[in-house]
């Protein structure tokens, strides 16, 4: 039986790094991601990799050294991208061309379809009927692609973290 693979969105890495899984206090999360990369359980599409690695901040530097596989754009992915846009007129609103944002979003979904992977994103579904914006979960639902957030990923993979007080700090507390 094939194990489920997970296609990571940039926001999963960025938000985790900047807040709740900061390497300052949760370095194990980043080691787990590396281990999952070695096991080919998680991967990042080329466009998502570029979005993060090109920033040259600490997360970009970490990603460049990580063992998370980068899925390159190929003819299959390009064909799937065309199918995504052809499947629903609203899918063109996934990318915000005026602000040059979300450029990797349709590629994320195309790579996930190619790999039969689950998309992992921090985005939430837009439900307002009058919205001219569409999000990754909306397109995933339209294309029958499974999607979850990173907390669901942790639960699904049964990742457990251990907490401890740094010995230096522990002496100060007690």
C-alpha atoms as a PDB file:
ATOM      1  CA  UNK A   1       0.000   0.000   0.000  1.00  0.00           C
ATOM      2  CA  UNK A   2       1.328   3.421  -0.951  1.00  0.00           C
ATOM      3  CA  UNK A   3       1.643   5.962   1.812  1.00  0.00           C
ATOM      4  CA  UNK A   4      -0.062   9.313   1.442  1.00  0.00           C
ATOM      5  CA  UNK A   5       2.326  12.062   0.362  1.00  0.00           C
ATOM      6  CA  UNK A   6       1.830  15.721   1.203  1.00  0.00           C
ATOM      7  CA  UNK A   7       2.462  18.751  -1.002  1.00  0.00           C
ATOM      8  CA  UNK A   8       3.411  21.755   1.153  1.00  0.00           C
ATOM      9  CA  UNK A   9       2.283  25.329   0.537  1.00  0.00           C
ATOM     10  CA  UNK A  10       4.676  28.179   1.351  1.00  0.00           C
ATOM     11  CA  UNK A  11       2.381  29.570   4.054  1.00  0.00           C
ATOM     12  CA  UNK A  12       2.713  26.323   6.031  1.00  0.00           C
ATOM     13  CA  UNK A  13       6.455  26.883   6.303  1.00  0.00           C
ATOM     14  CA  UNK A  14       6.371  30.667   6.694  1.00  0.00           C
ATOM     15  CA  UNK A  15       3.738  30.858   9.436  1.00  0.00           C
ATOM     16  CA  UNK A  16       5.212  27.936  11.364  1.00  0.00           C
ATOM     17  CA  UNK A  17       8.711  29.445  11.199  1.00  0.00           C
ATOM     18  CA  UNK A  18       7.538  32.888  12.284  1.00  0.00           C
ATOM     19  CA  UNK A  19       5.285  31.809  15.120  1.00  0.00           C
ATOM     20  CA  UNK A  20       4.031  28.531  16.574  1.00  0.00           C
ATOM     21  CA  UNK A  21       6.870  26.182  15.461  1.00  0.00           C
ATOM     22  CA  UNK A  22       9.696  28.704  15.520  1.00  0.00           C
ATOM     23  CA  UNK A  23      13.038  26.907  15.493  1.00  0.00           C
ATOM     24  CA  UNK A  24      13.936  28.934  18.601  1.00  0.00           C
ATOM     25  CA  UNK A  25      11.627  26.783  20.700  1.00  0.00           C
ATOM     26  CA  UNK A  26      10.522  23.947  18.426  1.00  0.00           C
ATOM     27  CA  UNK A  27      13.575  22.787  16.457  1.00  0.00           C
ATOM     28  CA  UNK A  28      12.194  19.251  16.439  1.00  0.00           C
ATOM     29  CA  UNK A  29       9.402  20.272  14.028  1.00  0.00           C
ATOM     30  CA  UNK A  30      11.985  21.220  11.404  1.00  0.00           C
ATOM     31  CA  UNK A  31      13.889  17.981  11.944  1.00  0.00           C
ATOM     32  CA  UNK A  32      10.623  16.064  11.516  1.00  0.00           C
ATOM     33  CA  UNK A  33       9.960  17.888   8.221  1.00  0.00           C
ATOM     34  CA  UNK A  34      13.453  16.954   7.079  1.00  0.00           C
ATOM     35  CA  UNK A  35      12.866  13.321   8.057  1.00  0.00           C
ATOM     36  CA  UNK A  36       9.535  13.318   6.225  1.00  0.00           C
ATOM     37  CA  UNK A  37      11.345  14.711   3.187  1.00  0.00           C
ATOM     38  CA  UNK A  38      13.904  11.901   3.316  1.00  0.00           C
ATOM     39  CA  UNK A  39      10.995   9.430   3.507  1.00  0.00           C
ATOM     40  CA  UNK A  40       9.374  11.185   0.508  1.00  0.00           C
ATOM     41  CA  UNK A  41       6.254  11.821   2.590  1.00  0.00           C
ATOM     42  CA  UNK A  42       6.391  15.606   2.023  1.00  0.00           C
ATOM     43  CA  UNK A  43       7.550  17.606  -0.972  1.00  0.00           C
ATOM     44  CA  UNK A  44       7.489  21.163  -2.253  1.00  0.00           C
ATOM     45  CA  UNK A  45       6.684  22.283  -5.796  1.00  0.00           C
ATOM     46  CA  UNK A  46       9.420  24.276  -7.540  1.00  0.00           C
ATOM     47  CA  UNK A  47       7.362  27.508  -7.500  1.00  0.00           C
ATOM     48  CA  UNK A  48       6.746  27.209  -3.745  1.00  0.00           C
ATOM     49  CA  UNK A  49      10.430  26.486  -3.166  1.00  0.00           C
ATOM     50  CA  UNK A  50      11.383  29.588  -5.177  1.00  0.00           C
ATOM     51  CA  UNK A  51       8.908  31.715  -3.240  1.00  0.00           C
ATOM     52  CA  UNK A  52      10.503  30.744   0.089  1.00  0.00           C
ATOM     53  CA  UNK A  53      14.155  30.180  -0.837  1.00  0.00           C
ATOM     54  CA  UNK A  54      14.493  33.432  -2.787  1.00  0.00           C
ATOM     55  CA  UNK A  55      13.838  35.504   0.340  1.00  0.00           C
ATOM     56  CA  UNK A  56      17.340  34.770   1.730  1.00  0.00           C
ATOM     57  CA  UNK A  57      15.998  34.940   5.303  1.00  0.00           C
ATOM     58  CA  UNK A  58      16.632  32.197   7.881  1.00  0.00           C
ATOM     59  CA  UNK A  59      13.721  30.100   6.595  1.00  0.00           C
ATOM     60  CA  UNK A  60      15.010  30.377   3.029  1.00  0.00           C
ATOM     61  CA  UNK A  61      18.463  29.316   4.183  1.00  0.00           C
ATOM     62  CA  UNK A  62      16.990  26.375   6.103  1.00  0.00           C
ATOM     63  CA  UNK A  63      14.931  25.267   3.115  1.00  0.00           C
ATOM     64  CA  UNK A  64      17.966  25.303   0.823  1.00  0.00           C
ATOM     65  CA  UNK A  65      19.739  22.898   3.202  1.00  0.00           C
ATOM     66  CA  UNK A  66      16.685  20.765   3.933  1.00  0.00           C
ATOM     67  CA  UNK A  67      16.082  17.269   2.649  1.00  0.00           C
ATOM     68  CA  UNK A  68      12.572  18.082   1.427  1.00  0.00           C
ATOM     69  CA  UNK A  69      12.300  17.063  -2.237  1.00  0.00           C
ATOM     70  CA  UNK A  70      11.547  19.806  -4.765  1.00  0.00           C
ATOM     71  CA  UNK A  71       9.113  18.710  -7.473  1.00  0.00           C
ATOM     72  CA  UNK A  72      10.206  20.341 -10.726  1.00  0.00           C
ATOM     73  CA  UNK A  73       7.785  21.653 -13.310  1.00  0.00           C
ATOM     74  CA  UNK A  74       7.440  19.250 -16.213  1.00  0.00           C
ATOM     75  CA  UNK A  75       5.072  18.693 -19.120  1.00  0.00           C
ATOM     76  CA  UNK A  76       2.650  16.659 -16.987  1.00  0.00           C
ATOM     77  CA  UNK A  77       2.367  19.426 -14.391  1.00  0.00           C
ATOM     78  CA  UNK A  78       1.868  22.030 -17.112  1.00  0.00           C
ATOM     79  CA  UNK A  79      -0.920  19.956 -18.694  1.00  0.00           C
ATOM     80  CA  UNK A  80      -2.600  19.515 -15.304  1.00  0.00           C
ATOM     81  CA  UNK A  81      -2.370  23.266 -14.730  1.00  0.00           C
ATOM     82  CA  UNK A  82      -4.231  23.809 -18.010  1.00  0.00           C
ATOM     83  CA  UNK A  83      -6.895  21.329 -16.854  1.00  0.00           C
ATOM     84  CA  UNK A  84      -7.290  23.217 -13.570  1.00  0.00           C
ATOM     85  CA  UNK A  85      -7.970  26.466 -15.398  1.00  0.00           C
ATOM     86  CA  UNK A  86     -10.282  24.769 -17.914  1.00  0.00           C
ATOM     87  CA  UNK A  87     -12.290  22.991 -15.209  1.00  0.00           C
ATOM     88  CA  UNK A  88     -13.844  26.124 -13.717  1.00  0.00           C
ATOM     89  CA  UNK A  89     -13.942  29.772 -14.793  1.00  0.00           C
ATOM     90  CA  UNK A  90     -13.412  30.921 -11.188  1.00  0.00           C
ATOM     91  CA  UNK A  91     -10.034  29.178 -10.943  1.00  0.00           C
ATOM     92  CA  UNK A  92      -8.421  32.133 -12.713  1.00  0.00           C
ATOM     93  CA  UNK A  93      -9.026  34.147  -9.528  1.00  0.00           C
ATOM     94  CA  UNK A  94      -6.654  31.909  -7.569  1.00  0.00           C
ATOM     95  CA  UNK A  95      -3.741  34.123  -8.629  1.00  0.00           C
ATOM     96  CA  UNK A  96      -3.816  37.828  -7.827  1.00  0.00           C
ATOM     97  CA  UNK A  97      -2.102  39.199 -10.932  1.00  0.00           C
ATOM     98  CA  UNK A  98      -2.459  42.833  -9.898  1.00  0.00           C
ATOM     99  CA  UNK A  99      -0.462  42.325  -6.695  1.00  0.00           C
ATOM    100  CA  UNK A 100       1.652  39.440  -8.044  1.00  0.00           C
ATOM    101  CA  UNK A 101       0.566  37.244  -5.139  1.00  0.00           C
ATOM    102  CA  UNK A 102      -0.348  33.584  -4.938  1.00  0.00           C
ATOM    103  CA  UNK A 103       1.619  32.871  -8.102  1.00  0.00           C
ATOM    104  CA  UNK A 104       2.569  29.399  -6.871  1.00  0.00           C
ATOM    105  CA  UNK A 105      -0.962  28.404  -5.782  1.00  0.00           C
ATOM    106  CA  UNK A 106      -2.186  26.805  -9.020  1.00  0.00           C
ATOM    107  CA  UNK A 107       1.165  25.032  -9.390  1.00  0.00           C
ATOM    108  CA  UNK A 108       0.821  23.646  -5.862  1.00  0.00           C
ATOM    109  CA  UNK A 109      -2.456  21.996  -6.827  1.00  0.00           C
ATOM    110  CA  UNK A 110      -1.107  20.767 -10.168  1.00  0.00           C
ATOM    111  CA  UNK A 111       1.879  19.112  -8.482  1.00  0.00           C
ATOM    112  CA  UNK A 112      -0.413  17.518  -5.887  1.00  0.00           C
ATOM    113  CA  UNK A 113      -2.654  16.112  -8.627  1.00  0.00           C
ATOM    114  CA  UNK A 114       0.344  14.713 -10.498  1.00  0.00           C
ATOM    115  CA  UNK A 115       1.677  13.019  -7.338  1.00  0.00           C
ATOM    116  CA  UNK A 116      -1.748  11.962  -5.992  1.00  0.00           C
ATOM    117  CA  UNK A 117      -0.772  13.963  -2.917  1.00  0.00           C
ATOM    118  CA  UNK A 118      -2.699  15.851  -0.272  1.00  0.00           C
ATOM    119  CA  UNK A 119      -2.257  19.641  -0.296  1.00  0.00           C
ATOM    120  CA  UNK A 120      -1.169  21.136   3.038  1.00  0.00           C
ATOM    121  CA  UNK A 121      -2.038  24.828   3.298  1.00  0.00           C
ATOM    122  CA  UNK A 122      -2.955  27.457   5.869  1.00  0.00           C
ATOM    123  CA  UNK A 123      -5.589  28.907   3.547  1.00  0.00           C
ATOM    124  CA  UNK A 124      -9.226  28.432   4.392  1.00  0.00           C
ATOM    125  CA  UNK A 125     -12.078  28.022   2.002  1.00  0.00           C
ATOM    126  CA  UNK A 126     -13.886  31.135   0.779  1.00  0.00           C
ATOM    127  CA  UNK A 127     -17.606  30.659   1.212  1.00  0.00           C
ATOM    128  CA  UNK A 128     -18.930  34.142   0.446  1.00  0.00           C
ATOM    129  CA  UNK A 129     -20.922  34.035  -2.780  1.00  0.00           C
ATOM    130  CA  UNK A 130     -20.001  37.626  -3.636  1.00  0.00           C
ATOM    131  CA  UNK A 131     -16.237  37.100  -3.339  1.00  0.00           C
ATOM    132  CA  UNK A 132     -14.245  37.495  -6.537  1.00  0.00           C
ATOM    133  CA  UNK A 133     -11.322  35.755  -4.848  1.00  0.00           C
ATOM    134  CA  UNK A 134     -10.906  31.988  -4.625  1.00  0.00           C
ATOM    135  CA  UNK A 135      -8.538  30.067  -2.374  1.00  0.00           C
ATOM    136  CA  UNK A 136      -6.545  26.859  -2.650  1.00  0.00           C
ATOM    137  CA  UNK A 137      -9.151  24.807  -0.720  1.00  0.00           C
ATOM    138  CA  UNK A 138     -11.909  25.921  -3.117  1.00  0.00           C
ATOM    139  CA  UNK A 139      -9.929  24.807  -6.148  1.00  0.00           C
ATOM    140  CA  UNK A 140      -8.866  21.587  -4.427  1.00  0.00           C
ATOM    141  CA  UNK A 141     -12.514  20.773  -3.717  1.00  0.00           C
ATOM    142  CA  UNK A 142     -13.451  21.555  -7.312  1.00  0.00           C
ATOM    143  CA  UNK A 143     -10.662  19.283  -8.581  1.00  0.00           C
ATOM    144  CA  UNK A 144     -11.289  16.502  -6.036  1.00  0.00           C
ATOM    145  CA  UNK A 145      -7.916  17.022  -4.376  1.00  0.00           C
ATOM    146  CA  UNK A 146      -7.673  16.381  -0.661  1.00  0.00           C
ATOM    147  CA  UNK A 147      -6.399  19.295   1.412  1.00  0.00           C
ATOM    148  CA  UNK A 148      -5.597  19.817   5.094  1.00  0.00           C
ATOM    149  CA  UNK A 149      -3.784  22.331   7.275  1.00  0.00           C
ATOM    150  CA  UNK A 150      -0.475  21.719   9.018  1.00  0.00           C
ATOM    151  CA  UNK A 151      -2.084  20.921  12.370  1.00  0.00           C
ATOM    152  CA  UNK A 152      -4.075  18.171  10.664  1.00  0.00           C
ATOM    153  CA  UNK A 153      -0.812  16.962   9.099  1.00  0.00           C
ATOM    154  CA  UNK A 154       0.757  16.663  12.562  1.00  0.00           C
ATOM    155  CA  UNK A 155      -2.267  14.700  13.794  1.00  0.00           C
ATOM    156  CA  UNK A 156      -2.457  12.481  10.715  1.00  0.00           C
ATOM    157  CA  UNK A 157       1.187  11.530  10.881  1.00  0.00           C
ATOM    158  CA  UNK A 158       0.953  11.123  14.660  1.00  0.00           C
ATOM    159  CA  UNK A 159       3.838  13.504  15.236  1.00  0.00           C
ATOM    160  CA  UNK A 160       4.561  14.015  18.921  1.00  0.00           C
ATOM    161  CA  UNK A 161       6.669  16.806  20.313  1.00  0.00           C
ATOM    162  CA  UNK A 162       8.358  16.820  23.683  1.00  0.00           C
ATOM    163  CA  UNK A 163       8.870  19.944  25.717  1.00  0.00           C
ATOM    164  CA  UNK A 164      11.585  20.643  28.197  1.00  0.00           C
ATOM    165  CA  UNK A 165      12.984  23.618  29.993  1.00  0.00           C
ATOM    166  CA  UNK A 166      16.479  24.550  28.891  1.00  0.00           C
ATOM    167  CA  UNK A 167      18.871  23.600  31.738  1.00  0.00           C
ATOM    168  CA  UNK A 168      20.232  27.157  31.836  1.00  0.00           C
ATOM    169  CA  UNK A 169      16.737  28.603  32.240  1.00  0.00           C
ATOM    170  CA  UNK A 170      15.559  25.855  34.572  1.00  0.00           C
ATOM    171  CA  UNK A 171      18.124  26.935  37.161  1.00  0.00           C
ATOM    172  CA  UNK A 172      16.755  30.480  36.980  1.00  0.00           C
ATOM    173  CA  UNK A 173      13.152  29.300  37.409  1.00  0.00           C
ATOM    174  CA  UNK A 174      13.672  26.985  40.354  1.00  0.00           C
END
